[in-house]
C-alpha atoms as a PDB file:
ATOM      1  CA  UNK A   1    -282.765 258.559  31.720  1.00  0.00           C
ATOM      2  CA  UNK A   2    -280.039 260.012  29.697  1.00  0.00           C
ATOM      3  CA  UNK A   3    -277.498 259.096  32.328  1.00  0.00           C
ATOM      4  CA  UNK A   4    -278.464 255.443  32.129  1.00  0.00           C
ATOM      5  CA  UNK A   5    -278.179 255.408  28.364  1.00  0.00           C
ATOM      6  CA  UNK A   6    -274.737 256.974  28.438  1.00  0.00           C
ATOM      7  CA  UNK A   7    -273.603 254.186  30.751  1.00  0.00           C
ATOM      8  CA  UNK A   8    -274.999 251.583  28.383  1.00  0.00           C
ATOM      9  CA  UNK A   9    -273.313 253.014  25.292  1.00  0.00           C
ATOM     10  CA  UNK A  10    -270.777 250.658  23.688  1.00  0.00           C
ATOM     11  CA  UNK A  11    -268.820 250.499  20.504  1.00  0.00           C
ATOM     12  CA  UNK A  12    -270.580 250.520  17.225  1.00  0.00           C
ATOM     13  CA  UNK A  13    -270.089 247.771  14.664  1.00  0.00           C
ATOM     14  CA  UNK A  14    -268.177 250.145  12.385  1.00  0.00           C
ATOM     15  CA  UNK A  15    -265.767 251.094  15.172  1.00  0.00           C
ATOM     16  CA  UNK A  16    -265.145 247.433  15.947  1.00  0.00           C
ATOM     17  CA  UNK A  17    -264.483 246.647  12.260  1.00  0.00           C
ATOM     18  CA  UNK A  18    -262.020 249.548  11.979  1.00  0.00           C
ATOM     19  CA  UNK A  19    -260.132 248.376  15.083  1.00  0.00           C
ATOM     20  CA  UNK A  20    -260.008 244.782  13.801  1.00  0.00           C
ATOM     21  CA  UNK A  21    -258.714 245.966  10.413  1.00  0.00           C
ATOM     22  CA  UNK A  22    -255.984 248.061  12.064  1.00  0.00           C
ATOM     23  CA  UNK A  23    -254.954 245.211  14.372  1.00  0.00           C
ATOM     24  CA  UNK A  24    -254.840 242.887  11.340  1.00  0.00           C
ATOM     25  CA  UNK A  25    -252.650 245.290   9.366  1.00  0.00           C
ATOM     26  CA  UNK A  26    -250.240 245.852  12.270  1.00  0.00           C
ATOM     27  CA  UNK A  27    -250.139 242.095  12.984  1.00  0.00           C
ATOM     28  CA  UNK A  28    -249.430 241.366   9.318  1.00  0.00           C
ATOM     29  CA  UNK A  29    -246.549 243.841   9.236  1.00  0.00           C
ATOM     30  CA  UNK A  30    -245.050 242.413  12.437  1.00  0.00           C
ATOM     31  CA  UNK A  31    -245.431 238.823  11.161  1.00  0.00           C
ATOM     32  CA  UNK A  32    -243.842 239.651   7.793  1.00  0.00           C
ATOM     33  CA  UNK A  33    -240.929 241.355   9.538  1.00  0.00           C
ATOM     34  CA  UNK A  34    -240.380 238.395  11.870  1.00  0.00           C
ATOM     35  CA  UNK A  35    -240.567 235.853   9.028  1.00  0.00           C
ATOM     36  CA  UNK A  36    -238.122 237.892   6.940  1.00  0.00           C
ATOM     37  CA  UNK A  37    -235.724 238.148   9.888  1.00  0.00           C
ATOM     38  CA  UNK A  38    -235.873 234.400  10.539  1.00  0.00           C
ATOM     39  CA  UNK A  39    -235.299 233.657   6.822  1.00  0.00           C
ATOM     40  CA  UNK A  40    -232.282 235.989   6.727  1.00  0.00           C
ATOM     41  CA  UNK A  41    -230.878 234.398   9.878  1.00  0.00           C
ATOM     42  CA  UNK A  42    -231.273 230.899   8.411  1.00  0.00           C
ATOM     43  CA  UNK A  43    -229.630 231.959   5.151  1.00  0.00           C
ATOM     44  CA  UNK A  44    -226.722 233.565   7.016  1.00  0.00           C
ATOM     45  CA  UNK A  45    -226.273 230.398   9.098  1.00  0.00           C
ATOM     46  CA  UNK A  46    -226.312 228.213   5.959  1.00  0.00           C
ATOM     47  CA  UNK A  47    -223.731 230.457   4.274  1.00  0.00           C
ATOM     48  CA  UNK A  48    -221.507 230.424   7.365  1.00  0.00           C
ATOM     49  CA  UNK A  49    -221.772 226.630   7.551  1.00  0.00           C
ATOM     50  CA  UNK A  50    -220.887 226.305   3.848  1.00  0.00           C
ATOM     51  CA  UNK A  51    -217.917 228.645   4.239  1.00  0.00           C
ATOM     52  CA  UNK A  52    -216.707 226.713   7.278  1.00  0.00           C
ATOM     53  CA  UNK A  53    -217.032 223.380   5.481  1.00  0.00           C
ATOM     54  CA  UNK A  54    -215.162 224.642   2.408  1.00  0.00           C
ATOM     55  CA  UNK A  55    -212.438 226.240   4.543  1.00  0.00           C
ATOM     56  CA  UNK A  56    -211.930 223.034   6.543  1.00  0.00           C
ATOM     57  CA  UNK A  57    -211.486 220.943   3.389  1.00  0.00           C
ATOM     58  CA  UNK A  58    -209.230 223.555   1.797  1.00  0.00           C
ATOM     59  CA  UNK A  59    -207.002 223.487   4.893  1.00  0.00           C
ATOM     60  CA  UNK A  60    -206.876 219.668   4.882  1.00  0.00           C
ATOM     61  CA  UNK A  61    -205.934 219.549   1.197  1.00  0.00           C
ATOM     62  CA  UNK A  62    -203.332 222.298   1.675  1.00  0.00           C
ATOM     63  CA  UNK A  63    -201.764 220.499   4.621  1.00  0.00           C
ATOM     64  CA  UNK A  64    -201.524 217.224   2.694  1.00  0.00           C
ATOM     65  CA  UNK A  65    -199.957 218.929  -0.333  1.00  0.00           C
ATOM     66  CA  UNK A  66    -197.554 220.914   1.840  1.00  0.00           C
ATOM     67  CA  UNK A  67    -196.200 217.783   3.560  1.00  0.00           C
ATOM     68  CA  UNK A  68    -196.460 215.530   0.510  1.00  0.00           C
ATOM     69  CA  UNK A  69    -193.449 213.327   0.045  1.00  0.00           C
ATOM     70  CA  UNK A  70    -193.990 213.300  -2.963  1.00  0.00           C
ATOM     71  CA  UNK A  71    -196.960 214.191  -5.141  1.00  0.00           C
ATOM     72  CA  UNK A  72    -197.730 210.948  -6.994  1.00  0.00           C
ATOM     73  CA  UNK A  73    -200.343 212.000  -9.562  1.00  0.00           C
ATOM     74  CA  UNK A  74    -201.872 215.313 -10.600  1.00  0.00           C
ATOM     75  CA  UNK A  75    -204.731 216.393 -12.834  1.00  0.00           C
ATOM     76  CA  UNK A  76    -207.289 219.215 -12.938  1.00  0.00           C
ATOM     77  CA  UNK A  77    -209.750 217.372 -10.679  1.00  0.00           C
ATOM     78  CA  UNK A  78    -207.561 214.957  -8.702  1.00  0.00           C
ATOM     79  CA  UNK A  79    -204.299 214.865  -6.815  1.00  0.00           C
ATOM     80  CA  UNK A  80    -202.590 211.943  -5.080  1.00  0.00           C
ATOM     81  CA  UNK A  81    -199.918 212.462  -2.427  1.00  0.00           C
ATOM     82  CA  UNK A  82    -197.940 210.297  -0.016  1.00  0.00           C
ATOM     83  CA  UNK A  83    -197.840 211.442   3.594  1.00  0.00           C
ATOM     84  CA  UNK A  84    -195.508 209.741   6.063  1.00  0.00           C
ATOM     85  CA  UNK A  85    -196.750 209.407   9.638  1.00  0.00           C
ATOM     86  CA  UNK A  86    -195.145 207.502  12.489  1.00  0.00           C
ATOM     87  CA  UNK A  87    -193.393 204.873  10.346  1.00  0.00           C
ATOM     88  CA  UNK A  88    -196.435 204.375   8.112  1.00  0.00           C
ATOM     89  CA  UNK A  89    -197.358 205.789   4.740  1.00  0.00           C
ATOM     90  CA  UNK A  90    -200.783 207.231   3.971  1.00  0.00           C
ATOM     91  CA  UNK A  91    -201.545 207.688   0.286  1.00  0.00           C
ATOM     92  CA  UNK A  92    -204.237 210.359   0.099  1.00  0.00           C
ATOM     93  CA  UNK A  93    -206.210 211.065  -3.040  1.00  0.00           C
ATOM     94  CA  UNK A  94    -208.480 214.086  -3.384  1.00  0.00           C
ATOM     95  CA  UNK A  95    -210.791 213.795  -6.393  1.00  0.00           C
ATOM     96  CA  UNK A  96    -214.068 215.002  -7.873  1.00  0.00           C
ATOM     97  CA  UNK A  97    -216.721 212.325  -8.259  1.00  0.00           C
ATOM     98  CA  UNK A  98    -220.361 212.955  -9.242  1.00  0.00           C
ATOM     99  CA  UNK A  99    -220.230 216.631  -8.264  1.00  0.00           C
ATOM    100  CA  UNK A 100    -218.673 215.955  -4.858  1.00  0.00           C
ATOM    101  CA  UNK A 101    -215.159 216.173  -3.431  1.00  0.00           C
ATOM    102  CA  UNK A 102    -214.023 212.738  -2.264  1.00  0.00           C
ATOM    103  CA  UNK A 103    -211.053 211.840  -0.086  1.00  0.00           C
ATOM    104  CA  UNK A 104    -209.535 208.355  -0.234  1.00  0.00           C
ATOM    105  CA  UNK A 105    -206.883 207.433   2.334  1.00  0.00           C
ATOM    106  CA  UNK A 106    -204.921 204.222   1.831  1.00  0.00           C
ATOM    107  CA  UNK A 107    -202.614 203.270   4.697  1.00  0.00           C
ATOM    108  CA  UNK A 108    -199.537 201.092   4.226  1.00  0.00           C
ATOM    109  CA  UNK A 109    -197.620 199.467   7.074  1.00  0.00           C
ATOM    110  CA  UNK A 110    -194.186 200.871   6.160  1.00  0.00           C
ATOM    111  CA  UNK A 111    -192.609 203.794   4.378  1.00  0.00           C
ATOM    112  CA  UNK A 112    -191.040 201.514   1.813  1.00  0.00           C
ATOM    113  CA  UNK A 113    -194.481 200.242   0.781  1.00  0.00           C
ATOM    114  CA  UNK A 114    -195.145 203.690  -0.732  1.00  0.00           C
ATOM    115  CA  UNK A 115    -191.888 203.761  -2.690  1.00  0.00           C
ATOM    116  CA  UNK A 116    -193.642 202.503  -5.817  1.00  0.00           C
ATOM    117  CA  UNK A 117    -196.610 204.174  -7.488  1.00  0.00           C
ATOM    118  CA  UNK A 118    -199.046 202.630  -8.000  1.00  0.00           C
ATOM    119  CA  UNK A 119    -198.370 200.554  -4.917  1.00  0.00           C
ATOM    120  CA  UNK A 120    -197.429 196.917  -5.168  1.00  0.00           C
ATOM    121  CA  UNK A 121    -197.784 196.376  -1.419  1.00  0.00           C
ATOM    122  CA  UNK A 122    -201.077 195.448   0.205  1.00  0.00           C
ATOM    123  CA  UNK A 123    -202.587 198.323   2.202  1.00  0.00           C
ATOM    124  CA  UNK A 124    -203.585 197.837   5.818  1.00  0.00           C
ATOM    125  CA  UNK A 125    -206.709 199.984   5.366  1.00  0.00           C
ATOM    126  CA  UNK A 126    -208.556 202.121   2.846  1.00  0.00           C
ATOM    127  CA  UNK A 127    -211.111 204.763   3.787  1.00  0.00           C
ATOM    128  CA  UNK A 128    -213.144 206.730   1.250  1.00  0.00           C
ATOM    129  CA  UNK A 129    -215.391 209.590   2.302  1.00  0.00           C
ATOM    130  CA  UNK A 130    -217.295 212.401   0.639  1.00  0.00           C
ATOM    131  CA  UNK A 131    -215.969 215.553   2.265  1.00  0.00           C
ATOM    132  CA  UNK A 132    -217.761 218.220   0.228  1.00  0.00           C
ATOM    133  CA  UNK A 133    -221.105 216.882  -1.035  1.00  0.00           C
ATOM    134  CA  UNK A 134    -222.162 219.685  -3.379  1.00  0.00           C
ATOM    135  CA  UNK A 135    -219.033 220.900  -5.110  1.00  0.00           C
ATOM    136  CA  UNK A 136    -219.988 223.734  -7.430  1.00  0.00           C
ATOM    137  CA  UNK A 137    -216.763 224.216  -9.406  1.00  0.00           C
ATOM    138  CA  UNK A 138    -218.445 223.501 -12.748  1.00  0.00           C
ATOM    139  CA  UNK A 139    -215.802 224.054 -15.440  1.00  0.00           C
ATOM    140  CA  UNK A 140    -213.356 225.611 -12.952  1.00  0.00           C
ATOM    141  CA  UNK A 141    -210.643 223.056 -12.155  1.00  0.00           C
ATOM    142  CA  UNK A 142    -210.136 222.176  -8.501  1.00  0.00           C
ATOM    143  CA  UNK A 143    -206.359 221.923  -8.958  1.00  0.00           C
ATOM    144  CA  UNK A 144    -204.059 224.001 -11.163  1.00  0.00           C
ATOM    145  CA  UNK A 145    -200.275 223.758 -11.161  1.00  0.00           C
ATOM    146  CA  UNK A 146    -197.233 225.980 -11.603  1.00  0.00           C
ATOM    147  CA  UNK A 147    -193.581 225.206 -12.136  1.00  0.00           C
ATOM    148  CA  UNK A 148    -190.702 226.791 -10.178  1.00  0.00           C
ATOM    149  CA  UNK A 149    -190.667 229.809 -12.540  1.00  0.00           C
ATOM    150  CA  UNK A 150    -194.397 230.449 -11.870  1.00  0.00           C
ATOM    151  CA  UNK A 151    -195.573 229.326 -15.305  1.00  0.00           C
ATOM    152  CA  UNK A 152    -198.889 227.489 -15.462  1.00  0.00           C
ATOM    153  CA  UNK A 153    -198.668 223.774 -16.266  1.00  0.00           C
ATOM    154  CA  UNK A 154    -201.550 222.581 -18.432  1.00  0.00           C
ATOM    155  CA  UNK A 155    -200.416 218.928 -18.441  1.00  0.00           C
ATOM    156  CA  UNK A 156    -198.219 218.642 -15.366  1.00  0.00           C
ATOM    157  CA  UNK A 157    -195.789 215.888 -14.579  1.00  0.00           C
ATOM    158  CA  UNK A 158    -195.182 215.505 -10.868  1.00  0.00           C
ATOM    159  CA  UNK A 159    -191.505 216.448 -11.186  1.00  0.00           C
ATOM    160  CA  UNK A 160    -192.456 219.871 -12.650  1.00  0.00           C
ATOM    161  CA  UNK A 161    -194.909 220.928  -9.919  1.00  0.00           C
ATOM    162  CA  UNK A 162    -193.692 223.620  -7.523  1.00  0.00           C
ATOM    163  CA  UNK A 163    -197.015 225.258  -6.596  1.00  0.00           C
ATOM    164  CA  UNK A 164    -200.531 223.826  -6.456  1.00  0.00           C
ATOM    165  CA  UNK A 165    -203.480 226.217  -6.626  1.00  0.00           C
ATOM    166  CA  UNK A 166    -206.657 224.813  -5.080  1.00  0.00           C
ATOM    167  CA  UNK A 167    -210.123 226.302  -5.745  1.00  0.00           C
ATOM    168  CA  UNK A 168    -213.240 224.989  -3.997  1.00  0.00           C
ATOM    169  CA  UNK A 169    -216.746 226.259  -4.707  1.00  0.00           C
ATOM    170  CA  UNK A 170    -219.716 225.267  -2.537  1.00  0.00           C
ATOM    171  CA  UNK A 171    -223.013 225.696  -4.386  1.00  0.00           C
ATOM    172  CA  UNK A 172    -225.236 228.400  -2.929  1.00  0.00           C
ATOM    173  CA  UNK A 173    -228.441 227.476  -1.163  1.00  0.00           C
ATOM    174  CA  UNK A 174    -231.825 229.200  -1.446  1.00  0.00           C
ATOM    175  CA  UNK A 175    -230.878 231.159  -4.584  1.00  0.00           C
ATOM    176  CA  UNK A 176    -227.797 232.634  -2.914  1.00  0.00           C
ATOM    177  CA  UNK A 177    -224.391 232.958  -4.539  1.00  0.00           C
ATOM    178  CA  UNK A 178    -221.821 230.201  -4.100  1.00  0.00           C
ATOM    179  CA  UNK A 179    -219.041 230.222  -1.516  1.00  0.00           C
ATOM    180  CA  UNK A 180    -215.655 230.239  -3.254  1.00  0.00           C
ATOM    181  CA  UNK A 181    -212.310 229.830  -1.487  1.00  0.00           C
ATOM    182  CA  UNK A 182    -208.904 229.264  -3.006  1.00  0.00           C
ATOM    183  CA  UNK A 183    -205.286 229.026  -1.961  1.00  0.00           C
ATOM    184  CA  UNK A 184    -201.813 228.424  -3.354  1.00  0.00           C
ATOM    185  CA  UNK A 185    -199.602 225.800  -1.746  1.00  0.00           C
ATOM    186  CA  UNK A 186    -195.867 225.502  -2.250  1.00  0.00           C
ATOM    187  CA  UNK A 187    -194.703 221.921  -2.633  1.00  0.00           C
ATOM    188  CA  UNK A 188    -192.165 221.105   0.063  1.00  0.00           C
ATOM    189  CA  UNK A 189    -189.902 218.936  -2.053  1.00  0.00           C
ATOM    190  CA  UNK A 190    -190.178 220.923  -5.286  1.00  0.00           C
ATOM    191  CA  UNK A 191    -186.444 221.682  -5.387  1.00  0.00           C
ATOM    192  CA  UNK A 192    -185.490 218.084  -4.638  1.00  0.00           C
ATOM    193  CA  UNK A 193    -187.469 216.506  -7.458  1.00  0.00           C
END
């Protein structure tokens, strides 16, 4: 009879509860680790995207300033330049509007149409787009200027500008720090002005 009972023995209720508690604890640890890893991956992807977006806009602004012929207007949060392309003139303005960086491109049919600022000619097209939706510069100016001697210009006139410093800050997401990139761009025609 004892042999039959030994074959019928199972797990007690206490043993089952202990196993369930251990499985629950191990499962909770694994779940928390996976959730934390996915959150960190998402945050890293968001930061990389923000850095890429800021770098792209910084490169576009730098290119336009570098080939500007000439800089037409300059302030702490806006710059207007003329860029000549294939017998046309594109007047590009980079400005801060409602916490976003906005680019406005006005195309004129001929080079001579850009000879006067503000333009008296009728543009062939105007395109305005928000290129950096959550600019986080706060009180930091987007544009600062230097003369040929390297002195900072607090109220620049376009003929004085030799170097333009550009600082872009993308607000951080999910309580992370902001992405900040900056560059200095020498003005091509600074010695000719």
